[in-house]
Amino acid sequence: MERFVISNREDLQRLAKARGVRRIEVAMAGLDDEVRALTQQRLAAVLGACGCTEGAVGLLLMLPVVGSLAVAHLLPSGWAGIGLALALVVGGSLSGKLVGLYRAHQALLAEIRVVEARLSALSQ
């Protein structure tokens, strides 16, 4: 799904489960142009989060851990030690990536709640 059009509250709820959204268009009645543009911008920013930063942090945090294990001779010697070190670094990176994806999804849900609250305030 390349483009996602939000025209009602149900579309907002579907957005939380949509995959592959590249562009968001807010076409809700009752929103002035400024609020529509801001809502569109904020939702797009949250959807753009991919967890890459957290993955990089996980990788960088594991490098000194692996280095410390190597210096303390706690890693096996030879290919087994290289494999274990690589597995630890990749595991740290993947863990960070998963944390980043989870945080991005939580941020999307929070932004959806903000938009819904804004819509409720406008309808009263």
PDB file of N, CA and C in Angstrom:
ATOM      1  N   MET A   1       0.862  -1.179   0.000  1.00  0.00           N
ATOM      2  CA  MET A   1       0.000   0.000   0.000  1.00  0.00           C
ATOM      3  C   MET A   1       0.897   1.228   0.000  1.00  0.00           C
ATOM      4  N   GLU A   2       0.815   1.961  -1.025  1.00  0.00           N
ATOM      5  CA  GLU A   2       1.667   3.127  -1.201  1.00  0.00           C
ATOM      6  C   GLU A   2       1.089   4.367  -0.508  1.00  0.00           C
ATOM      7  N   ARG A   3      -0.167   4.649  -0.777  1.00  0.00           N
ATOM      8  CA  ARG A   3      -0.812   5.867  -0.280  1.00  0.00           C
ATOM      9  C   ARG A   3      -2.006   5.480   0.585  1.00  0.00           C
ATOM     10  N   PHE A   4      -2.158   6.162   1.705  1.00  0.00           N
ATOM     11  CA  PHE A   4      -3.251   5.882   2.635  1.00  0.00           C
ATOM     12  C   PHE A   4      -4.043   7.169   2.843  1.00  0.00           C
ATOM     13  N   VAL A   5      -5.327   7.131   2.546  1.00  0.00           N
ATOM     14  CA  VAL A   5      -6.188   8.301   2.690  1.00  0.00           C
ATOM     15  C   VAL A   5      -7.021   8.131   3.950  1.00  0.00           C
ATOM     16  N   ILE A   6      -6.976   9.147   4.808  1.00  0.00           N
ATOM     17  CA  ILE A   6      -7.755   9.135   6.047  1.00  0.00           C
ATOM     18  C   ILE A   6      -8.921  10.095   5.870  1.00  0.00           C
ATOM     19  N   SER A   7     -10.116   9.525   5.857  1.00  0.00           N
ATOM     20  CA  SER A   7     -11.293  10.374   5.681  1.00  0.00           C
ATOM     21  C   SER A   7     -12.268  10.265   6.845  1.00  0.00           C
ATOM     22  N   ASN A   8     -12.024   9.322   7.772  1.00  0.00           N
ATOM     23  CA  ASN A   8     -12.894   9.188   8.933  1.00  0.00           C
ATOM     24  C   ASN A   8     -12.137   8.494  10.071  1.00  0.00           C
ATOM     25  N   ARG A   9     -12.805   8.315  11.191  1.00  0.00           N
ATOM     26  CA  ARG A   9     -12.154   7.702  12.358  1.00  0.00           C
ATOM     27  C   ARG A   9     -11.792   6.240  12.132  1.00  0.00           C
ATOM     28  N   GLU A  10     -12.597   5.551  11.345  1.00  0.00           N
ATOM     29  CA  GLU A  10     -12.294   4.149  11.058  1.00  0.00           C
ATOM     30  C   GLU A  10     -10.982   4.022  10.287  1.00  0.00           C
ATOM     31  N   ASP A  11     -10.737   4.983   9.397  1.00  0.00           N
ATOM     32  CA  ASP A  11      -9.473   4.983   8.660  1.00  0.00           C
ATOM     33  C   ASP A  11      -8.291   5.181   9.611  1.00  0.00           C
ATOM     34  N   LEU A  12      -8.486   5.999  10.630  1.00  0.00           N
ATOM     35  CA  LEU A  12      -7.425   6.189  11.627  1.00  0.00           C
ATOM     36  C   LEU A  12      -7.097   4.870  12.322  1.00  0.00           C
ATOM     37  N   GLN A  13      -8.135   4.107  12.669  1.00  0.00           N
ATOM     38  CA  GLN A  13      -7.907   2.820  13.322  1.00  0.00           C
ATOM     39  C   GLN A  13      -7.242   1.819  12.370  1.00  0.00           C
ATOM     40  N   ARG A  14      -7.630   1.870  11.095  1.00  0.00           N
ATOM     41  CA  ARG A  14      -7.003   0.973  10.111  1.00  0.00           C
ATOM     42  C   ARG A  14      -5.540   1.334   9.894  1.00  0.00           C
ATOM     43  N   LEU A  15      -5.201   2.601  10.059  1.00  0.00           N
ATOM     44  CA  LEU A  15      -3.822   3.046   9.880  1.00  0.00           C
ATOM     45  C   LEU A  15      -2.888   2.346  10.867  1.00  0.00           C
ATOM     46  N   ALA A  16      -3.376   2.069  12.065  1.00  0.00           N
ATOM     47  CA  ALA A  16      -2.550   1.417  13.082  1.00  0.00           C
ATOM     48  C   ALA A  16      -2.106   0.021  12.638  1.00  0.00           C
ATOM     49  N   LYS A  17      -2.866  -0.616  11.763  1.00  0.00           N
ATOM     50  CA  LYS A  17      -2.535  -1.970  11.317  1.00  0.00           C
ATOM     51  C   LYS A  17      -2.045  -2.028   9.881  1.00  0.00           C
ATOM     52  N   ALA A  18      -2.067  -0.908   9.188  1.00  0.00           N
ATOM     53  CA  ALA A  18      -1.673  -0.884   7.778  1.00  0.00           C
ATOM     54  C   ALA A  18      -0.170  -1.101   7.637  1.00  0.00           C
ATOM     55  N   ARG A  19       0.220  -1.779   6.576  1.00  0.00           N
ATOM     56  CA  ARG A  19       1.629  -2.036   6.299  1.00  0.00           C
ATOM     57  C   ARG A  19       1.996  -1.419   4.948  1.00  0.00           C
ATOM     58  N   GLY A  20       3.214  -0.970   4.840  1.00  0.00           N
ATOM     59  CA  GLY A  20       3.711  -0.462   3.573  1.00  0.00           C
ATOM     60  C   GLY A  20       3.205   0.913   3.194  1.00  0.00           C
ATOM     61  N   VAL A  21       2.742   1.678   4.165  1.00  0.00           N
ATOM     62  CA  VAL A  21       2.235   3.023   3.869  1.00  0.00           C
ATOM     63  C   VAL A  21       3.426   3.951   3.653  1.00  0.00           C
ATOM     64  N   ARG A  22       3.458   4.588   2.510  1.00  0.00           N
ATOM     65  CA  ARG A  22       4.546   5.516   2.182  1.00  0.00           C
ATOM     66  C   ARG A  22       4.106   6.967   2.292  1.00  0.00           C
ATOM     67  N   ARG A  23       2.830   7.202   2.012  1.00  0.00           N
ATOM     68  CA  ARG A  23       2.326   8.577   2.016  1.00  0.00           C
ATOM     69  C   ARG A  23       0.942   8.600   2.640  1.00  0.00           C
ATOM     70  N   ILE A  24       0.695   9.629   3.442  1.00  0.00           N
ATOM     71  CA  ILE A  24      -0.607   9.784   4.102  1.00  0.00           C
ATOM     72  C   ILE A  24      -1.262  11.041   3.572  1.00  0.00           C
ATOM     73  N   GLU A  25      -2.544  10.913   3.338  1.00  0.00           N
ATOM     74  CA  GLU A  25      -3.336  12.081   2.955  1.00  0.00           C
ATOM     75  C   GLU A  25      -4.516  12.160   3.918  1.00  0.00           C
ATOM     76  N   VAL A  26      -4.640  13.276   4.605  1.00  0.00           N
ATOM     77  CA  VAL A  26      -5.756  13.494   5.514  1.00  0.00           C
ATOM     78  C   VAL A  26      -6.830  14.264   4.761  1.00  0.00           C
ATOM     79  N   ALA A  27      -7.990  13.643   4.605  1.00  0.00           N
ATOM     80  CA  ALA A  27      -9.092  14.245   3.855  1.00  0.00           C
ATOM     81  C   ALA A  27     -10.360  14.221   4.701  1.00  0.00           C
ATOM     82  N   MET A  28     -10.228  14.637   5.956  1.00  0.00           N
ATOM     83  CA  MET A  28     -11.360  14.591   6.882  1.00  0.00           C
ATOM     84  C   MET A  28     -12.149  15.894   6.823  1.00  0.00           C
ATOM     85  N   ALA A  29     -13.440  15.738   6.767  1.00  0.00           N
ATOM     86  CA  ALA A  29     -14.306  16.920   6.770  1.00  0.00           C
ATOM     87  C   ALA A  29     -14.245  17.588   8.140  1.00  0.00           C
ATOM     88  N   GLY A  30     -14.317  18.889   8.163  1.00  0.00           N
ATOM     89  CA  GLY A  30     -14.327  19.627   9.417  1.00  0.00           C
ATOM     90  C   GLY A  30     -12.974  20.123   9.868  1.00  0.00           C
ATOM     91  N   LEU A  31     -11.918  19.704   9.203  1.00  0.00           N
ATOM     92  CA  LEU A  31     -10.582  20.184   9.559  1.00  0.00           C
ATOM     93  C   LEU A  31     -10.190  21.312   8.625  1.00  0.00           C
ATOM     94  N   ASP A  32      -9.693  22.403   9.215  1.00  0.00           N
ATOM     95  CA  ASP A  32      -9.209  23.471   8.343  1.00  0.00           C
ATOM     96  C   ASP A  32      -7.860  23.054   7.741  1.00  0.00           C
ATOM     97  N   ASP A  33      -7.392  23.784   6.764  1.00  0.00           N
ATOM     98  CA  ASP A  33      -6.190  23.394   6.020  1.00  0.00           C
ATOM     99  C   ASP A  33      -4.953  23.307   6.900  1.00  0.00           C
ATOM    100  N   GLU A  34      -4.830  24.221   7.855  1.00  0.00           N
ATOM    101  CA  GLU A  34      -3.655  24.230   8.723  1.00  0.00           C
ATOM    102  C   GLU A  34      -3.620  22.984   9.610  1.00  0.00           C
ATOM    103  N   VAL A  35      -4.750  22.654  10.222  1.00  0.00           N
ATOM    104  CA  VAL A  35      -4.823  21.470  11.084  1.00  0.00           C
ATOM    105  C   VAL A  35      -4.635  20.201  10.254  1.00  0.00           C
ATOM    106  N   ARG A  36      -5.219  20.162   9.079  1.00  0.00           N
ATOM    107  CA  ARG A  36      -5.078  19.003   8.191  1.00  0.00           C
ATOM    108  C   ARG A  36      -3.606  18.789   7.823  1.00  0.00           C
ATOM    109  N   ALA A  37      -2.921  19.856   7.459  1.00  0.00           N
ATOM    110  CA  ALA A  37      -1.512  19.751   7.075  1.00  0.00           C
ATOM    111  C   ALA A  37      -0.648  19.321   8.264  1.00  0.00           C
ATOM    112  N   LEU A  38      -0.920  19.879   9.441  1.00  0.00           N
ATOM    113  CA  LEU A  38      -0.159  19.508  10.633  1.00  0.00           C
ATOM    114  C   LEU A  38      -0.388  18.051  10.989  1.00  0.00           C
ATOM    115  N   THR A  39      -1.641  17.614  10.936  1.00  0.00           N
ATOM    116  CA  THR A  39      -1.968  16.220  11.246  1.00  0.00           C
ATOM    117  C   THR A  39      -1.276  15.287  10.263  1.00  0.00           C
ATOM    118  N   GLN A  40      -1.331  15.628   9.003  1.00  0.00           N
ATOM    119  CA  GLN A  40      -0.699  14.824   7.962  1.00  0.00           C
ATOM    120  C   GLN A  40       0.807  14.740   8.183  1.00  0.00           C
ATOM    121  N   GLN A  41       1.397  15.872   8.528  1.00  0.00           N
ATOM    122  CA  GLN A  41       2.846  15.921   8.754  1.00  0.00           C
ATOM    123  C   GLN A  41       3.250  15.081   9.962  1.00  0.00           C
ATOM    124  N   ARG A  42       2.501  15.192  11.048  1.00  0.00           N
ATOM    125  CA  ARG A  42       2.846  14.450  12.266  1.00  0.00           C
ATOM    126  C   ARG A  42       2.677  12.949  12.076  1.00  0.00           C
ATOM    127  N   LEU A  43       1.607  12.537  11.421  1.00  0.00           N
ATOM    128  CA  LEU A  43       1.404  11.117  11.163  1.00  0.00           C
ATOM    129  C   LEU A  43       2.488  10.562  10.236  1.00  0.00           C
ATOM    130  N   ALA A  44       2.863  11.332   9.230  1.00  0.00           N
ATOM    131  CA  ALA A  44       3.911  10.898   8.308  1.00  0.00           C
ATOM    132  C   ALA A  44       5.259  10.755   9.029  1.00  0.00           C
ATOM    133  N   ALA A  45       5.541  11.666   9.943  1.00  0.00           N
ATOM    134  CA  ALA A  45       6.800  11.598  10.686  1.00  0.00           C
ATOM    135  C   ALA A  45       6.854  10.347  11.555  1.00  0.00           C
ATOM    136  N   VAL A  46       5.747  10.024  12.191  1.00  0.00           N
ATOM    137  CA  VAL A  46       5.706   8.842  13.048  1.00  0.00           C
ATOM    138  C   VAL A  46       5.804   7.569  12.207  1.00  0.00           C
ATOM    139  N   LEU A  47       5.140   7.555  11.060  1.00  0.00           N
ATOM    140  CA  LEU A  47       5.195   6.376  10.194  1.00  0.00           C
ATOM    141  C   LEU A  47       6.569   6.178   9.580  1.00  0.00           C
ATOM    142  N   GLY A  48       7.340   7.244   9.462  1.00  0.00           N
ATOM    143  CA  GLY A  48       8.668   7.153   8.873  1.00  0.00           C
ATOM    144  C   GLY A  48       9.694   6.503   9.784  1.00  0.00           C
ATOM    145  N   ALA A  49       9.385   6.343  11.045  1.00  0.00           N
ATOM    146  CA  ALA A  49      10.332   5.740  11.985  1.00  0.00           C
ATOM    147  C   ALA A  49      10.483   4.255  11.673  1.00  0.00           C
ATOM    148  N   CYS A  50      11.733   3.779  11.610  1.00  0.00           N
ATOM    149  CA  CYS A  50      11.970   2.386  11.213  1.00  0.00           C
ATOM    150  C   CYS A  50      12.774   1.589  12.231  1.00  0.00           C
ATOM    151  N   GLY A  51      13.269   2.227  13.273  1.00  0.00           N
ATOM    152  CA  GLY A  51      14.055   1.516  14.266  1.00  0.00           C
ATOM    153  C   GLY A  51      15.534   1.434  13.939  1.00  0.00           C
ATOM    154  N   CYS A  52      15.961   2.098  12.881  1.00  0.00           N
ATOM    155  CA  CYS A  52      17.370   2.027  12.479  1.00  0.00           C
ATOM    156  C   CYS A  52      18.302   2.644  13.520  1.00  0.00           C
ATOM    157  N   THR A  53      17.882   3.749  14.099  1.00  0.00           N
ATOM    158  CA  THR A  53      18.724   4.399  15.115  1.00  0.00           C
ATOM    159  C   THR A  53      18.922   3.481  16.313  1.00  0.00           C
ATOM    160  N   GLU A  54      17.827   2.879  16.777  1.00  0.00           N
ATOM    161  CA  GLU A  54      17.928   1.972  17.920  1.00  0.00           C
ATOM    162  C   GLU A  54      18.758   0.743  17.574  1.00  0.00           C
ATOM    163  N   GLY A  55      18.644   0.264  16.334  1.00  0.00           N
ATOM    164  CA  GLY A  55      19.473  -0.863  15.901  1.00  0.00           C
ATOM    165  C   GLY A  55      20.947  -0.513  15.925  1.00  0.00           C
ATOM    166  N   ALA A  56      21.279   0.691  15.483  1.00  0.00           N
ATOM    167  CA  ALA A  56      22.669   1.138  15.504  1.00  0.00           C
ATOM    168  C   ALA A  56      23.175   1.277  16.941  1.00  0.00           C
ATOM    169  N   VAL A  57      22.310   1.765  17.814  1.00  0.00           N
ATOM    170  CA  VAL A  57      22.700   1.885  19.226  1.00  0.00           C
ATOM    171  C   VAL A  57      22.957   0.500  19.819  1.00  0.00           C
ATOM    172  N   GLY A  58      22.090  -0.467  19.506  1.00  0.00           N
ATOM    173  CA  GLY A  58      22.291  -1.834  19.996  1.00  0.00           C
ATOM    174  C   GLY A  58      23.608  -2.410  19.515  1.00  0.00           C
ATOM    175  N   LEU A  59      23.928  -2.174  18.261  1.00  0.00           N
ATOM    176  CA  LEU A  59      25.195  -2.651  17.713  1.00  0.00           C
ATOM    177  C   LEU A  59      26.369  -1.990  18.430  1.00  0.00           C
ATOM    178  N   LEU A  60      26.304  -0.672  18.576  1.00  0.00           N
ATOM    179  CA  LEU A  60      27.406   0.051  19.225  1.00  0.00           C
ATOM    180  C   LEU A  60      27.562  -0.322  20.694  1.00  0.00           C
ATOM    181  N   LEU A  61      26.467  -0.655  21.360  1.00  0.00           N
ATOM    182  CA  LEU A  61      26.570  -1.086  22.756  1.00  0.00           C
ATOM    183  C   LEU A  61      27.212  -2.463  22.884  1.00  0.00           C
ATOM    184  N   MET A  62      27.003  -3.304  21.888  1.00  0.00           N
ATOM    185  CA  MET A  62      27.572  -4.649  21.966  1.00  0.00           C
ATOM    186  C   MET A  62      29.056  -4.686  21.618  1.00  0.00           C
ATOM    187  N   LEU A  63      29.548  -3.707  20.870  1.00  0.00           N
ATOM    188  CA  LEU A  63      30.965  -3.726  20.506  1.00  0.00           C
ATOM    189  C   LEU A  63      31.893  -3.703  21.723  1.00  0.00           C
ATOM    190  N   PRO A  64      31.683  -2.799  22.686  1.00  0.00           N
ATOM    191  CA  PRO A  64      32.574  -2.846  23.855  1.00  0.00           C
ATOM    192  C   PRO A  64      32.364  -4.098  24.712  1.00  0.00           C
ATOM    193  N   VAL A  65      31.148  -4.637  24.707  1.00  0.00           N
ATOM    194  CA  VAL A  65      30.903  -5.875  25.454  1.00  0.00           C
ATOM    195  C   VAL A  65      31.727  -7.011  24.846  1.00  0.00           C
ATOM    196  N   VAL A  66      31.669  -7.139  23.538  1.00  0.00           N
ATOM    197  CA  VAL A  66      32.433  -8.188  22.857  1.00  0.00           C
ATOM    198  C   VAL A  66      33.929  -7.942  23.031  1.00  0.00           C
ATOM    199  N   GLY A  67      34.332  -6.676  22.921  1.00  0.00           N
ATOM    200  CA  GLY A  67      35.745  -6.358  23.135  1.00  0.00           C
ATOM    201  C   GLY A  67      36.203  -6.730  24.533  1.00  0.00           C
ATOM    202  N   SER A  68      35.378  -6.446  25.522  1.00  0.00           N
ATOM    203  CA  SER A  68      35.723  -6.789  26.910  1.00  0.00           C
ATOM    204  C   SER A  68      35.812  -8.295  27.094  1.00  0.00           C
ATOM    205  N   LEU A  69      34.874  -9.025  26.493  1.00  0.00           N
ATOM    206  CA  LEU A  69      34.917 -10.488  26.581  1.00  0.00           C
ATOM    207  C   LEU A  69      36.178 -11.040  25.930  1.00  0.00           C
ATOM    208  N   ALA A  70      36.574 -10.434  24.818  1.00  0.00           N
ATOM    209  CA  ALA A  70      37.783 -10.892  24.126  1.00  0.00           C
ATOM    210  C   ALA A  70      39.030 -10.597  24.947  1.00  0.00           C
ATOM    211  N   VAL A  71      39.101  -9.396  25.522  1.00  0.00           N
ATOM    212  CA  VAL A  71      40.268  -9.019  26.328  1.00  0.00           C
ATOM    213  C   VAL A  71      40.374  -9.889  27.578  1.00  0.00           C
ATOM    214  N   ALA A  72      39.233 -10.241  28.156  1.00  0.00           N
ATOM    215  CA  ALA A  72      39.220 -11.075  29.361  1.00  0.00           C
ATOM    216  C   ALA A  72      39.348 -12.560  29.029  1.00  0.00           C
ATOM    217  N   HIS A  73      39.535 -12.882  27.761  1.00  0.00           N
ATOM    218  CA  HIS A  73      39.674 -14.268  27.299  1.00  0.00           C
ATOM    219  C   HIS A  73      38.464 -15.128  27.674  1.00  0.00           C
ATOM    220  N   LEU A  74      37.291 -14.540  27.594  1.00  0.00           N
ATOM    221  CA  LEU A  74      36.074 -15.279  27.889  1.00  0.00           C
ATOM    222  C   LEU A  74      35.388 -15.796  26.631  1.00  0.00           C
ATOM    223  N   LEU A  75      35.910 -15.425  25.479  1.00  0.00           N
ATOM    224  CA  LEU A  75      35.400 -15.963  24.222  1.00  0.00           C
ATOM    225  C   LEU A  75      36.252 -17.160  23.816  1.00  0.00           C
ATOM    226  N   PRO A  76      35.633 -18.163  23.209  1.00  0.00           N
ATOM    227  CA  PRO A  76      36.438 -19.297  22.733  1.00  0.00           C
ATOM    228  C   PRO A  76      37.444 -18.830  21.675  1.00  0.00           C
ATOM    229  N   SER A  77      38.495 -19.552  21.518  1.00  0.00           N
ATOM    230  CA  SER A  77      39.489 -19.165  20.518  1.00  0.00           C
ATOM    231  C   SER A  77      39.078 -19.706  19.148  1.00  0.00           C
ATOM    232  N   GLY A  78      39.643 -19.118  18.121  1.00  0.00           N
ATOM    233  CA  GLY A  78      39.404 -19.577  16.754  1.00  0.00           C
ATOM    234  C   GLY A  78      38.069 -19.118  16.200  1.00  0.00           C
ATOM    235  N   TRP A  79      37.557 -19.901  15.257  1.00  0.00           N
ATOM    236  CA  TRP A  79      36.326 -19.541  14.553  1.00  0.00           C
ATOM    237  C   TRP A  79      35.116 -19.511  15.481  1.00  0.00           C
ATOM    238  N   ALA A  80      35.123 -20.325  16.505  1.00  0.00           N
ATOM    239  CA  ALA A  80      33.995 -20.334  17.444  1.00  0.00           C
ATOM    240  C   ALA A  80      33.880 -18.988  18.158  1.00  0.00           C
ATOM    241  N   GLY A  81      35.003 -18.422  18.545  1.00  0.00           N
ATOM    242  CA  GLY A  81      34.998 -17.118  19.199  1.00  0.00           C
ATOM    243  C   GLY A  81      34.571 -16.009  18.260  1.00  0.00           C
ATOM    244  N   ILE A  82      35.021 -16.084  17.013  1.00  0.00           N
ATOM    245  CA  ILE A  82      34.623 -15.082  16.013  1.00  0.00           C
ATOM    246  C   ILE A  82      33.126 -15.187  15.755  1.00  0.00           C
ATOM    247  N   GLY A  83      32.645 -16.426  15.638  1.00  0.00           N
ATOM    248  CA  GLY A  83      31.211 -16.628  15.415  1.00  0.00           C
ATOM    249  C   GLY A  83      30.372 -16.125  16.571  1.00  0.00           C
ATOM    250  N   LEU A  84      30.823 -16.408  17.790  1.00  0.00           N
ATOM    251  CA  LEU A  84      30.091 -15.939  18.967  1.00  0.00           C
ATOM    252  C   LEU A  84      30.108 -14.418  19.044  1.00  0.00           C
ATOM    253  N   ALA A  85      31.240 -13.809  18.785  1.00  0.00           N
ATOM    254  CA  ALA A  85      31.338 -12.341  18.807  1.00  0.00           C
ATOM    255  C   ALA A  85      30.410 -11.734  17.764  1.00  0.00           C
ATOM    256  N   LEU A  86      30.409 -12.296  16.579  1.00  0.00           N
ATOM    257  CA  LEU A  86      29.533 -11.804  15.518  1.00  0.00           C
ATOM    258  C   LEU A  86      28.069 -11.980  15.895  1.00  0.00           C
ATOM    259  N   ALA A  87      27.746 -13.123  16.466  1.00  0.00           N
ATOM    260  CA  ALA A  87      26.355 -13.368  16.887  1.00  0.00           C
ATOM    261  C   ALA A  87      25.916 -12.375  17.958  1.00  0.00           C
ATOM    262  N   LEU A  88      26.801 -12.044  18.877  1.00  0.00           N
ATOM    263  CA  LEU A  88      26.460 -11.073  19.920  1.00  0.00           C
ATOM    264  C   LEU A  88      26.218  -9.687  19.339  1.00  0.00           C
ATOM    265  N   VAL A  89      27.061  -9.285  18.407  1.00  0.00           N
ATOM    266  CA  VAL A  89      26.915  -7.960  17.792  1.00  0.00           C
ATOM    267  C   VAL A  89      25.638  -7.893  16.964  1.00  0.00           C
ATOM    268  N   VAL A  90      25.389  -8.916  16.156  1.00  0.00           N
ATOM    269  CA  VAL A  90      24.171  -8.943  15.340  1.00  0.00           C
ATOM    270  C   VAL A  90      22.938  -9.028  16.239  1.00  0.00           C
ATOM    271  N   GLY A  91      23.015  -9.815  17.298  1.00  0.00           N
ATOM    272  CA  GLY A  91      21.895  -9.905  18.245  1.00  0.00           C
ATOM    273  C   GLY A  91      21.591  -8.572  18.904  1.00  0.00           C
ATOM    274  N   GLY A  92      22.636  -7.831  19.256  1.00  0.00           N
ATOM    275  CA  GLY A  92      22.423  -6.499  19.823  1.00  0.00           C
ATOM    276  C   GLY A  92      21.764  -5.567  18.839  1.00  0.00           C
ATOM    277  N   SER A  93      22.191  -5.648  17.596  1.00  0.00           N
ATOM    278  CA  SER A  93      21.615  -4.804  16.551  1.00  0.00           C
ATOM    279  C   SER A  93      20.145  -5.160  16.309  1.00  0.00           C
ATOM    280  N   LEU A  94      19.851  -6.446  16.203  1.00  0.00           N
ATOM    281  CA  LEU A  94      18.461  -6.868  15.983  1.00  0.00           C
ATOM    282  C   LEU A  94      17.567  -6.524  17.170  1.00  0.00           C
ATOM    283  N   SER A  95      18.103  -6.663  18.366  1.00  0.00           N
ATOM    284  CA  SER A  95      17.317  -6.291  19.557  1.00  0.00           C
ATOM    285  C   SER A  95      16.988  -4.806  19.533  1.00  0.00           C
ATOM    286  N   GLY A  96      17.962  -3.992  19.193  1.00  0.00           N
ATOM    287  CA  GLY A  96      17.718  -2.556  19.088  1.00  0.00           C
ATOM    288  C   GLY A  96      16.696  -2.232  18.017  1.00  0.00           C
ATOM    289  N   LYS A  97      16.782  -2.908  16.889  1.00  0.00           N
ATOM    290  CA  LYS A  97      15.834  -2.694  15.796  1.00  0.00           C
ATOM    291  C   LYS A  97      14.411  -3.022  16.247  1.00  0.00           C
ATOM    292  N   LEU A  98      14.247  -4.147  16.940  1.00  0.00           N
ATOM    293  CA  LEU A  98      12.915  -4.531  17.429  1.00  0.00           C
ATOM    294  C   LEU A  98      12.373  -3.525  18.437  1.00  0.00           C
ATOM    295  N   VAL A  99      13.233  -3.050  19.314  1.00  0.00           N
ATOM    296  CA  VAL A  99      12.818  -2.017  20.260  1.00  0.00           C
ATOM    297  C   VAL A  99      12.386  -0.757  19.517  1.00  0.00           C
ATOM    298  N   GLY A 100      13.141  -0.383  18.499  1.00  0.00           N
ATOM    299  CA  GLY A 100      12.796   0.800  17.708  1.00  0.00           C
ATOM    300  C   GLY A 100      11.475   0.653  16.979  1.00  0.00           C
ATOM    301  N   LEU A 101      11.220  -0.513  16.401  1.00  0.00           N
ATOM    302  CA  LEU A 101       9.945  -0.750  15.727  1.00  0.00           C
ATOM    303  C   LEU A 101       8.784  -0.709  16.712  1.00  0.00           C
ATOM    304  N   TYR A 102       8.984  -1.278  17.893  1.00  0.00           N
ATOM    305  CA  TYR A 102       7.945  -1.243  18.922  1.00  0.00           C
ATOM    306  C   TYR A 102       7.659   0.199  19.348  1.00  0.00           C
ATOM    307  N   ARG A 103       8.719   0.956  19.578  1.00  0.00           N
ATOM    308  CA  ARG A 103       8.533   2.359  19.978  1.00  0.00           C
ATOM    309  C   ARG A 103       7.848   3.169  18.885  1.00  0.00           C
ATOM    310  N   ALA A 104       8.174   2.899  17.637  1.00  0.00           N
ATOM    311  CA  ALA A 104       7.545   3.608  16.518  1.00  0.00           C
ATOM    312  C   ALA A 104       6.053   3.291  16.462  1.00  0.00           C
ATOM    313  N   HIS A 105       5.699   2.026  16.678  1.00  0.00           N
ATOM    314  CA  HIS A 105       4.284   1.660  16.655  1.00  0.00           C
ATOM    315  C   HIS A 105       3.536   2.309  17.821  1.00  0.00           C
ATOM    316  N   GLN A 106       4.156   2.351  18.986  1.00  0.00           N
ATOM    317  CA  GLN A 106       3.526   3.001  20.140  1.00  0.00           C
ATOM    318  C   GLN A 106       3.349   4.500  19.884  1.00  0.00           C
ATOM    319  N   ALA A 107       4.322   5.109  19.234  1.00  0.00           N
ATOM    320  CA  ALA A 107       4.206   6.537  18.896  1.00  0.00           C
ATOM    321  C   ALA A 107       3.078   6.768  17.895  1.00  0.00           C
ATOM    322  N   LEU A 108       2.915   5.850  16.953  1.00  0.00           N
ATOM    323  CA  LEU A 108       1.814   5.959  15.988  1.00  0.00           C
ATOM    324  C   LEU A 108       0.476   5.856  16.710  1.00  0.00           C
ATOM    325  N   LEU A 109       0.343   4.899  17.619  1.00  0.00           N
ATOM    326  CA  LEU A 109      -0.910   4.764  18.372  1.00  0.00           C
ATOM    327  C   LEU A 109      -1.198   6.008  19.203  1.00  0.00           C
ATOM    328  N   ALA A 110      -0.164   6.588  19.803  1.00  0.00           N
ATOM    329  CA  ALA A 110      -0.343   7.811  20.588  1.00  0.00           C
ATOM    330  C   ALA A 110      -0.785   8.966  19.698  1.00  0.00           C
ATOM    331  N   GLU A 111      -0.191   9.071  18.523  1.00  0.00           N
ATOM    332  CA  GLU A 111      -0.564  10.153  17.604  1.00  0.00           C
ATOM    333  C   GLU A 111      -1.993   9.967  17.103  1.00  0.00           C
ATOM    334  N   ILE A 112      -2.403   8.733  16.883  1.00  0.00           N
ATOM    335  CA  ILE A 112      -3.786   8.462  16.478  1.00  0.00           C
ATOM    336  C   ILE A 112      -4.743   8.903  17.580  1.00  0.00           C
ATOM    337  N   ARG A 113      -4.383   8.639  18.836  1.00  0.00           N
ATOM    338  CA  ARG A 113      -5.239   9.081  19.953  1.00  0.00           C
ATOM    339  C   ARG A 113      -5.332  10.602  20.003  1.00  0.00           C
ATOM    340  N   VAL A 114      -4.225  11.294  19.727  1.00  0.00           N
ATOM    341  CA  VAL A 114      -4.233  12.762  19.709  1.00  0.00           C
ATOM    342  C   VAL A 114      -5.170  13.267  18.614  1.00  0.00           C
ATOM    343  N   VAL A 115      -5.087  12.673  17.426  1.00  0.00           N
ATOM    344  CA  VAL A 115      -5.952  13.087  16.322  1.00  0.00           C
ATOM    345  C   VAL A 115      -7.409  12.821  16.661  1.00  0.00           C
ATOM    346  N   GLU A 116      -7.698  11.661  17.251  1.00  0.00           N
ATOM    347  CA  GLU A 116      -9.077  11.347  17.631  1.00  0.00           C
ATOM    348  C   GLU A 116      -9.599  12.334  18.671  1.00  0.00           C
ATOM    349  N   ALA A 117      -8.761  12.707  19.630  1.00  0.00           N
ATOM    350  CA  ALA A 117      -9.178  13.693  20.635  1.00  0.00           C
ATOM    351  C   ALA A 117      -9.436  15.040  19.989  1.00  0.00           C
ATOM    352  N   ARG A 118      -8.595  15.416  19.029  1.00  0.00           N
ATOM    353  CA  ARG A 118      -8.784  16.675  18.321  1.00  0.00           C
ATOM    354  C   ARG A 118     -10.107  16.660  17.540  1.00  0.00           C
ATOM    355  N   LEU A 119     -10.413  15.527  16.924  1.00  0.00           N
ATOM    356  CA  LEU A 119     -11.652  15.400  16.178  1.00  0.00           C
ATOM    357  C   LEU A 119     -12.863  15.452  17.108  1.00  0.00           C
ATOM    358  N   SER A 120     -12.736  14.820  18.270  1.00  0.00           N
ATOM    359  CA  SER A 120     -13.846  14.868  19.239  1.00  0.00           C
ATOM    360  C   SER A 120     -14.100  16.289  19.711  1.00  0.00           C
ATOM    361  N   ALA A 121     -13.023  17.029  19.931  1.00  0.00           N
ATOM    362  CA  ALA A 121     -13.170  18.429  20.373  1.00  0.00           C
ATOM    363  C   ALA A 121     -13.815  19.270  19.281  1.00  0.00           C
ATOM    364  N   LEU A 122     -13.501  18.994  18.037  1.00  0.00           N
ATOM    365  CA  LEU A 122     -14.092  19.757  16.936  1.00  0.00           C
ATOM    366  C   LEU A 122     -15.575  19.448  16.740  1.00  0.00           C
ATOM    367  N   SER A 123     -15.960  18.205  17.024  1.00  0.00           N
ATOM    368  CA  SER A 123     -17.360  17.819  16.800  1.00  0.00           C
ATOM    369  C   SER A 123     -18.289  18.275  17.907  1.00  0.00           C
ATOM    370  N   GLN A 124     -17.742  18.763  18.996  1.00  0.00           N
ATOM    371  CA  GLN A 124     -18.609  19.218  20.112  1.00  0.00           C
ATOM    372  C   GLN A 124     -18.993  20.653  19.978  1.00  0.00           C
TER     373      GLN A 124
END
